[in-house]
Amino acid sequence: MNYFKLEENVDRSELNIIILGFFNPVIITPFWLSTKNLIRETDAINAKIRIMHNEIVDYDLEWATIEITQKRFHIKCTQEPFFEITRDLVVGIFSLLKETPIDSFGFNHTKTVSLKTEDRYYEIGNRLSPFSNWSEGLDDPRLQRLEILDKESKQKSHGSILITIYSTAANELNQAVGININDHYPFSEKEGIKFSANLFIEYWDNSLNIANNVLSKLSNSLQL
C-alpha cells in the first residue's frame, strides 16, 4: 500500500546553524565578509543592518540572516538553493577565525509539510499520541507540539537529536505541520575545540542524511 509521504509534501524548508563559543561579534560584518571574498561586494552593500555593536551584530543578507553575540553565532536561511552556500559561508568564517574556541554547534533542519486534508492533519496527531489517552480529560484534543529526544544517537559519533513536531494550522499554511530536526554536537565545556572545516562538512553530510531519514521513516511508521 502506498502511504502519504511527508518528504514529498514539503512546502517550505529552513536551515539554522548555531555555534556556541566565544566570539568577537563586531569583526564579522558584511564588509569584512566581502573583503575576505566570502560574499559578493553587492551582498555587503545591500545588507540590511539592524544592530552593529561590540556585544551583538544582527543583519540580513539577501539570502541569510546573521546574528552574533559574544557567546552565540546564528545564521538562518529560508531559501533551500542557498543552504550549501550558507554552510560554506560558516566554513569560510571560522576557517579564518580558526582560533575561536567552540563549545558546541548544531544544525536545525525545519520542514513545513502540507498534509492536504483535515482528516490527515487530525490523524497525524492521533497516531503520534493517541487521542483516546486523553478522552477522560479533554473533549477535542489536537496535536500542538511534541518533542522526542534521541539522547545518544547511534546515527552519529556523539551528540543528540531532538525532533519537534508542531501544528502550523493557525498560520498561513492550513492543515500543515512543522518538523524540526535539531542535530546537536557538544564539545568540552572547559576548553572547547578549534574549528575544523573537514569535521564540520563531515557532520553536515551526516546531518542531512539524518534529517531526510526522519521524514521517510516517520512516513512509514505513521502510515497516513
C-alpha atoms as a PDB file:
ATOM      1  CA  MET A   1       0.000   0.000   0.000  1.00  0.00           C
ATOM      2  CA  ASN A   2       1.224   3.485  -0.841  1.00  0.00           C
ATOM      3  CA  TYR A   3       1.117   5.771   2.177  1.00  0.00           C
ATOM      4  CA  PHE A   4       1.314   9.555   2.311  1.00  0.00           C
ATOM      5  CA  LYS A   5       4.970  10.594   2.044  1.00  0.00           C
ATOM      6  CA  LEU A   6       5.903  13.537   4.248  1.00  0.00           C
ATOM      7  CA  GLU A   7       9.159  14.081   2.351  1.00  0.00           C
ATOM      8  CA  GLU A   8       7.273  14.597  -0.933  1.00  0.00           C
ATOM      9  CA  ASN A   9       4.924  17.231   0.508  1.00  0.00           C
ATOM     10  CA  VAL A  10       7.349  19.757   1.982  1.00  0.00           C
ATOM     11  CA  ASP A  11       6.101  23.282   1.241  1.00  0.00           C
ATOM     12  CA  ARG A  12       8.905  25.157   2.934  1.00  0.00           C
ATOM     13  CA  SER A  13      12.376  24.413   4.302  1.00  0.00           C
ATOM     14  CA  GLU A  14      14.548  26.377   6.698  1.00  0.00           C
ATOM     15  CA  LEU A  15      18.131  25.912   7.847  1.00  0.00           C
ATOM     16  CA  ASN A  16      19.538  27.284  11.100  1.00  0.00           C
ATOM     17  CA  ILE A  17      23.170  26.777  12.081  1.00  0.00           C
ATOM     18  CA  ILE A  18      24.020  27.695  15.668  1.00  0.00           C
ATOM     19  CA  ILE A  19      27.512  27.692  17.159  1.00  0.00           C
ATOM     20  CA  LEU A  20      28.221  28.334  20.840  1.00  0.00           C
ATOM     21  CA  GLY A  21      31.622  29.572  21.929  1.00  0.00           C
ATOM     22  CA  PHE A  22      33.453  32.844  22.467  1.00  0.00           C
ATOM     23  CA  PHE A  23      33.159  35.411  19.682  1.00  0.00           C
ATOM     24  CA  ASN A  24      34.047  38.998  18.878  1.00  0.00           C
ATOM     25  CA  PRO A  25      30.802  39.894  17.073  1.00  0.00           C
ATOM     26  CA  VAL A  26      31.856  43.209  15.560  1.00  0.00           C
ATOM     27  CA  ILE A  27      34.543  41.513  13.444  1.00  0.00           C
ATOM     28  CA  ILE A  28      32.011  39.622  11.317  1.00  0.00           C
ATOM     29  CA  THR A  29      30.430  42.496   9.390  1.00  0.00           C
ATOM     30  CA  PRO A  30      29.114  42.320   5.823  1.00  0.00           C
ATOM     31  CA  PHE A  31      32.087  44.285   4.515  1.00  0.00           C
ATOM     32  CA  TRP A  32      34.551  42.061   6.376  1.00  0.00           C
ATOM     33  CA  LEU A  33      32.904  39.072   4.706  1.00  0.00           C
ATOM     34  CA  SER A  34      33.236  40.820   1.358  1.00  0.00           C
ATOM     35  CA  THR A  35      36.917  41.751   1.792  1.00  0.00           C
ATOM     36  CA  LYS A  36      37.620  38.105   2.678  1.00  0.00           C
ATOM     37  CA  ASN A  37      35.816  37.012  -0.522  1.00  0.00           C
ATOM     38  CA  LEU A  38      33.208  35.098   1.437  1.00  0.00           C
ATOM     39  CA  ILE A  39      30.301  37.050  -0.065  1.00  0.00           C
ATOM     40  CA  ARG A  40      29.971  39.335  -3.065  1.00  0.00           C
ATOM     41  CA  GLU A  41      30.557  43.065  -2.674  1.00  0.00           C
ATOM     42  CA  THR A  42      26.968  43.685  -3.792  1.00  0.00           C
ATOM     43  CA  ASP A  43      25.751  41.424  -0.950  1.00  0.00           C
ATOM     44  CA  ALA A  44      27.666  43.576   1.524  1.00  0.00           C
ATOM     45  CA  ILE A  45      26.338  46.822   0.036  1.00  0.00           C
ATOM     46  CA  ASN A  46      22.745  45.564   0.084  1.00  0.00           C
ATOM     47  CA  ALA A  47      22.922  44.077   3.581  1.00  0.00           C
ATOM     48  CA  LYS A  48      20.245  45.348   5.971  1.00  0.00           C
ATOM     49  CA  ILE A  49      21.942  46.091   9.270  1.00  0.00           C
ATOM     50  CA  ARG A  50      19.802  46.162  12.405  1.00  0.00           C
ATOM     51  CA  ILE A  51      22.496  46.253  15.099  1.00  0.00           C
ATOM     52  CA  MET A  52      26.261  46.740  14.922  1.00  0.00           C
ATOM     53  CA  HIS A  53      27.796  46.742  18.406  1.00  0.00           C
ATOM     54  CA  ASN A  54      30.727  45.208  20.265  1.00  0.00           C
ATOM     55  CA  GLU A  55      28.351  42.820  22.028  1.00  0.00           C
ATOM     56  CA  ILE A  56      25.947  41.982  19.200  1.00  0.00           C
ATOM     57  CA  VAL A  57      25.647  42.272  15.430  1.00  0.00           C
ATOM     58  CA  ASP A  58      22.439  41.495  13.581  1.00  0.00           C
ATOM     59  CA  TYR A  59      21.896  41.870   9.828  1.00  0.00           C
ATOM     60  CA  ASP A  60      20.281  40.370   6.753  1.00  0.00           C
ATOM     61  CA  LEU A  61      21.978  39.342   3.552  1.00  0.00           C
ATOM     62  CA  GLU A  62      19.715  38.728   0.578  1.00  0.00           C
ATOM     63  CA  TRP A  63      19.723  35.001   1.305  1.00  0.00           C
ATOM     64  CA  ALA A  64      20.543  34.676   5.024  1.00  0.00           C
ATOM     65  CA  THR A  65      20.139  36.315   8.422  1.00  0.00           C
ATOM     66  CA  ILE A  66      23.132  36.537  10.766  1.00  0.00           C
ATOM     67  CA  GLU A  67      23.047  37.295  14.470  1.00  0.00           C
ATOM     68  CA  ILE A  68      26.174  37.083  16.620  1.00  0.00           C
ATOM     69  CA  THR A  69      26.666  37.730  20.322  1.00  0.00           C
ATOM     70  CA  GLN A  70      29.757  37.127  22.410  1.00  0.00           C
ATOM     71  CA  LYS A  71      28.637  33.562  23.082  1.00  0.00           C
ATOM     72  CA  ARG A  72      26.415  32.615  20.153  1.00  0.00           C
ATOM     73  CA  PHE A  73      26.677  32.612  16.354  1.00  0.00           C
ATOM     74  CA  HIS A  74      23.408  32.069  14.479  1.00  0.00           C
ATOM     75  CA  ILE A  75      22.802  32.040  10.737  1.00  0.00           C
ATOM     76  CA  LYS A  76      19.388  31.327   9.204  1.00  0.00           C
ATOM     77  CA  CYS A  77      18.489  30.609   5.583  1.00  0.00           C
ATOM     78  CA  THR A  78      14.976  30.040   4.229  1.00  0.00           C
ATOM     79  CA  GLN A  79      15.947  29.522   0.582  1.00  0.00           C
ATOM     80  CA  GLU A  80      16.878  25.881   0.013  1.00  0.00           C
ATOM     81  CA  PRO A  81      19.126  26.533  -3.039  1.00  0.00           C
ATOM     82  CA  PHE A  82      21.320  28.595  -0.678  1.00  0.00           C
ATOM     83  CA  PHE A  83      21.667  26.011   2.083  1.00  0.00           C
ATOM     84  CA  GLU A  84      25.078  24.776   0.942  1.00  0.00           C
ATOM     85  CA  ILE A  85      26.189  28.372   0.326  1.00  0.00           C
ATOM     86  CA  THR A  86      25.187  29.115   3.924  1.00  0.00           C
ATOM     87  CA  ARG A  87      27.211  26.135   5.098  1.00  0.00           C
ATOM     88  CA  ASP A  88      30.201  27.267   3.044  1.00  0.00           C
ATOM     89  CA  LEU A  89      29.947  30.776   4.496  1.00  0.00           C
ATOM     90  CA  VAL A  90      30.171  29.333   8.015  1.00  0.00           C
ATOM     91  CA  VAL A  91      33.145  27.201   6.975  1.00  0.00           C
ATOM     92  CA  GLY A  92      34.829  30.268   5.460  1.00  0.00           C
ATOM     93  CA  ILE A  93      34.255  32.471   8.518  1.00  0.00           C
ATOM     94  CA  PHE A  94      35.593  30.032  11.054  1.00  0.00           C
ATOM     95  CA  SER A  95      38.436  28.819   8.858  1.00  0.00           C
ATOM     96  CA  LEU A  96      39.670  32.425   9.000  1.00  0.00           C
ATOM     97  CA  LEU A  97      38.871  32.728  12.708  1.00  0.00           C
ATOM     98  CA  LYS A  98      40.243  29.255  13.420  1.00  0.00           C
ATOM     99  CA  GLU A  99      41.482  30.091  16.913  1.00  0.00           C
ATOM    100  CA  THR A 100      37.917  30.771  18.052  1.00  0.00           C
ATOM    101  CA  PRO A 101      37.058  28.254  20.817  1.00  0.00           C
ATOM    102  CA  ILE A 102      33.797  26.406  20.179  1.00  0.00           C
ATOM    103  CA  ASP A 103      31.727  24.656  22.844  1.00  0.00           C
ATOM    104  CA  SER A 104      29.097  23.150  20.557  1.00  0.00           C
ATOM    105  CA  PHE A 105      27.310  23.541  17.275  1.00  0.00           C
ATOM    106  CA  GLY A 106      24.070  22.338  15.808  1.00  0.00           C
ATOM    107  CA  PHE A 107      22.203  22.059  12.536  1.00  0.00           C
ATOM    108  CA  ASN A 108      18.470  22.737  12.632  1.00  0.00           C
ATOM    109  CA  HIS A 109      16.526  21.436   9.631  1.00  0.00           C
ATOM    110  CA  THR A 110      12.916  22.622   9.603  1.00  0.00           C
ATOM    111  CA  LYS A 111      10.340  21.300   7.147  1.00  0.00           C
ATOM    112  CA  THR A 112       6.776  22.559   6.838  1.00  0.00           C
ATOM    113  CA  VAL A 113       4.695  19.676   5.500  1.00  0.00           C
ATOM    114  CA  SER A 114       1.277  20.179   3.916  1.00  0.00           C
ATOM    115  CA  LEU A 115      -0.994  17.304   4.892  1.00  0.00           C
ATOM    116  CA  LYS A 116      -3.580  18.321   2.252  1.00  0.00           C
ATOM    117  CA  THR A 117      -6.694  17.275   4.183  1.00  0.00           C
ATOM    118  CA  GLU A 118      -8.219  17.978   7.580  1.00  0.00           C
ATOM    119  CA  ASP A 119      -8.565  14.241   8.238  1.00  0.00           C
ATOM    120  CA  ARG A 120      -4.858  13.629   7.685  1.00  0.00           C
ATOM    121  CA  TYR A 121      -3.991  16.640   9.830  1.00  0.00           C
ATOM    122  CA  TYR A 122      -6.100  15.184  12.648  1.00  0.00           C
ATOM    123  CA  GLU A 123      -4.712  11.690  12.184  1.00  0.00           C
ATOM    124  CA  ILE A 124      -1.027  12.587  12.380  1.00  0.00           C
ATOM    125  CA  GLY A 125      -1.585  13.862  15.920  1.00  0.00           C
ATOM    126  CA  ASN A 126      -3.724  10.858  16.780  1.00  0.00           C
ATOM    127  CA  ARG A 127      -1.025   8.411  15.688  1.00  0.00           C
ATOM    128  CA  LEU A 128       1.817  10.255  17.371  1.00  0.00           C
ATOM    129  CA  SER A 129      -0.081  10.488  20.668  1.00  0.00           C
ATOM    130  CA  PRO A 130      -3.393   8.601  20.544  1.00  0.00           C
ATOM    131  CA  PHE A 131      -6.162  10.995  21.486  1.00  0.00           C
ATOM    132  CA  SER A 132      -8.003   8.181  23.244  1.00  0.00           C
ATOM    133  CA  ASN A 133      -5.400   8.520  26.008  1.00  0.00           C
ATOM    134  CA  TRP A 134      -6.883  11.927  26.778  1.00  0.00           C
ATOM    135  CA  SER A 135     -10.573  11.133  26.415  1.00  0.00           C
ATOM    136  CA  GLU A 136     -11.238  11.314  30.151  1.00  0.00           C
ATOM    137  CA  GLY A 137      -9.942  14.871  30.495  1.00  0.00           C
ATOM    138  CA  LEU A 138     -10.292  16.523  27.101  1.00  0.00           C
ATOM    139  CA  ASP A 139     -13.264  16.825  24.752  1.00  0.00           C
ATOM    140  CA  ASP A 140     -11.476  17.533  21.459  1.00  0.00           C
ATOM    141  CA  PRO A 141      -7.681  17.041  21.714  1.00  0.00           C
ATOM    142  CA  ARG A 142      -5.383  18.067  18.856  1.00  0.00           C
ATOM    143  CA  LEU A 143      -1.651  17.998  18.161  1.00  0.00           C
ATOM    144  CA  GLN A 144       0.037  21.211  19.270  1.00  0.00           C
ATOM    145  CA  ARG A 145       3.661  20.347  19.958  1.00  0.00           C
ATOM    146  CA  LEU A 146       5.530  17.091  20.523  1.00  0.00           C
ATOM    147  CA  GLU A 147       9.260  16.653  21.230  1.00  0.00           C
ATOM    148  CA  ILE A 148      11.261  13.437  21.005  1.00  0.00           C
ATOM    149  CA  LEU A 149      14.898  13.338  22.191  1.00  0.00           C
ATOM    150  CA  ASP A 150      17.449  10.815  20.942  1.00  0.00           C
ATOM    151  CA  LYS A 151      19.986  11.476  23.679  1.00  0.00           C
ATOM    152  CA  GLU A 152      22.806   9.261  22.412  1.00  0.00           C
ATOM    153  CA  SER A 153      22.073   8.613  18.773  1.00  0.00           C
ATOM    154  CA  LYS A 154      23.737   5.682  17.038  1.00  0.00           C
ATOM    155  CA  GLN A 155      23.411   7.615  13.769  1.00  0.00           C
ATOM    156  CA  LYS A 156      26.332   9.879  14.765  1.00  0.00           C
ATOM    157  CA  SER A 157      29.614   9.765  16.628  1.00  0.00           C
ATOM    158  CA  HIS A 158      28.391  11.902  19.523  1.00  0.00           C
ATOM    159  CA  GLY A 159      25.685  14.375  20.443  1.00  0.00           C
ATOM    160  CA  SER A 160      21.908  14.258  20.418  1.00  0.00           C
ATOM    161  CA  ILE A 161      18.968  14.621  18.064  1.00  0.00           C
ATOM    162  CA  LEU A 162      15.810  16.460  19.109  1.00  0.00           C
ATOM    163  CA  ILE A 163      12.776  16.121  16.846  1.00  0.00           C
ATOM    164  CA  THR A 164       9.936  18.599  17.297  1.00  0.00           C
ATOM    165  CA  ILE A 165       6.604  18.223  15.524  1.00  0.00           C
ATOM    166  CA  TYR A 166       4.189  21.106  15.878  1.00  0.00           C
ATOM    167  CA  SER A 167       0.993  22.492  14.442  1.00  0.00           C
ATOM    168  CA  THR A 168       1.104  25.348  11.946  1.00  0.00           C
ATOM    169  CA  ALA A 169      -2.632  25.258  11.247  1.00  0.00           C
ATOM    170  CA  ALA A 170      -3.139  28.678  12.821  1.00  0.00           C
ATOM    171  CA  ASN A 171      -0.696  30.163  10.327  1.00  0.00           C
ATOM    172  CA  GLU A 172      -0.905  30.701   6.572  1.00  0.00           C
ATOM    173  CA  LEU A 173      -0.396  27.010   5.719  1.00  0.00           C
ATOM    174  CA  ASN A 174      -3.585  25.354   6.899  1.00  0.00           C
ATOM    175  CA  GLN A 175      -3.571  21.585   7.569  1.00  0.00           C
ATOM    176  CA  ALA A 176       0.213  21.611   7.922  1.00  0.00           C
ATOM    177  CA  VAL A 177       2.787  20.585  10.494  1.00  0.00           C
ATOM    178  CA  GLY A 178       6.312  21.763  11.118  1.00  0.00           C
ATOM    179  CA  ILE A 179       9.004  19.146  11.675  1.00  0.00           C
ATOM    180  CA  ASN A 180      12.272  20.401  13.135  1.00  0.00           C
ATOM    181  CA  ILE A 181      15.328  18.156  13.434  1.00  0.00           C
ATOM    182  CA  ASN A 182      17.893  19.633  15.835  1.00  0.00           C
ATOM    183  CA  ASP A 183      21.213  17.846  15.319  1.00  0.00           C
ATOM    184  CA  HIS A 184      23.448  18.903  18.233  1.00  0.00           C
ATOM    185  CA  TYR A 185      27.189  18.303  18.710  1.00  0.00           C
ATOM    186  CA  PRO A 186      28.628  19.260  22.139  1.00  0.00           C
ATOM    187  CA  PHE A 187      32.333  19.512  22.967  1.00  0.00           C
ATOM    188  CA  SER A 188      34.438  20.059  26.084  1.00  0.00           C
ATOM    189  CA  GLU A 189      32.802  22.593  28.391  1.00  0.00           C
ATOM    190  CA  LYS A 190      36.190  23.619  29.763  1.00  0.00           C
ATOM    191  CA  GLU A 191      38.298  24.034  26.654  1.00  0.00           C
ATOM    192  CA  GLY A 192      36.080  23.835  23.626  1.00  0.00           C
ATOM    193  CA  ILE A 193      37.626  22.952  20.279  1.00  0.00           C
ATOM    194  CA  LYS A 194      39.208  24.830  17.441  1.00  0.00           C
ATOM    195  CA  PHE A 195      37.174  24.899  14.248  1.00  0.00           C
ATOM    196  CA  SER A 196      37.760  22.132  11.711  1.00  0.00           C
ATOM    197  CA  ALA A 197      36.321  22.643   8.226  1.00  0.00           C
ATOM    198  CA  ASN A 198      36.628  18.943   7.404  1.00  0.00           C
ATOM    199  CA  LEU A 199      34.857  17.943  10.601  1.00  0.00           C
ATOM    200  CA  PHE A 200      32.096  20.491  10.047  1.00  0.00           C
ATOM    201  CA  ILE A 201      31.409  19.320   6.487  1.00  0.00           C
ATOM    202  CA  GLU A 202      31.506  15.665   7.573  1.00  0.00           C
ATOM    203  CA  TYR A 203      28.904  16.385  10.248  1.00  0.00           C
ATOM    204  CA  TRP A 204      26.868  18.417   7.737  1.00  0.00           C
ATOM    205  CA  ASP A 205      26.624  15.479   5.334  1.00  0.00           C
ATOM    206  CA  ASN A 206      25.620  13.163   8.165  1.00  0.00           C
ATOM    207  CA  SER A 207      23.093  15.697   9.426  1.00  0.00           C
ATOM    208  CA  LEU A 208      21.370  15.913   6.033  1.00  0.00           C
ATOM    209  CA  ASN A 209      21.051  12.128   5.970  1.00  0.00           C
ATOM    210  CA  ILE A 210      19.560  12.141   9.457  1.00  0.00           C
ATOM    211  CA  ALA A 211      17.008  14.831   8.542  1.00  0.00           C
ATOM    212  CA  ASN A 212      15.965  13.046   5.343  1.00  0.00           C
ATOM    213  CA  ASN A 213      15.688   9.719   7.164  1.00  0.00           C
ATOM    214  CA  VAL A 214      13.461  11.230   9.848  1.00  0.00           C
ATOM    215  CA  LEU A 215      10.840  12.237   7.282  1.00  0.00           C
ATOM    216  CA  SER A 216      10.892   8.992   5.320  1.00  0.00           C
ATOM    217  CA  LYS A 217      10.884   6.736   8.394  1.00  0.00           C
ATOM    218  CA  LEU A 218       8.156   8.784  10.033  1.00  0.00           C
ATOM    219  CA  SER A 219       6.060   8.370   6.885  1.00  0.00           C
ATOM    220  CA  ASN A 220       6.473   4.587   7.060  1.00  0.00           C
ATOM    221  CA  SER A 221       5.693   4.468  10.774  1.00  0.00           C
ATOM    222  CA  LEU A 222       2.589   6.659  10.685  1.00  0.00           C
ATOM    223  CA  GLN A 223       1.094   5.081   7.537  1.00  0.00           C
ATOM    224  CA  LEU A 224      -1.145   8.067   6.855  1.00  0.00           C
END
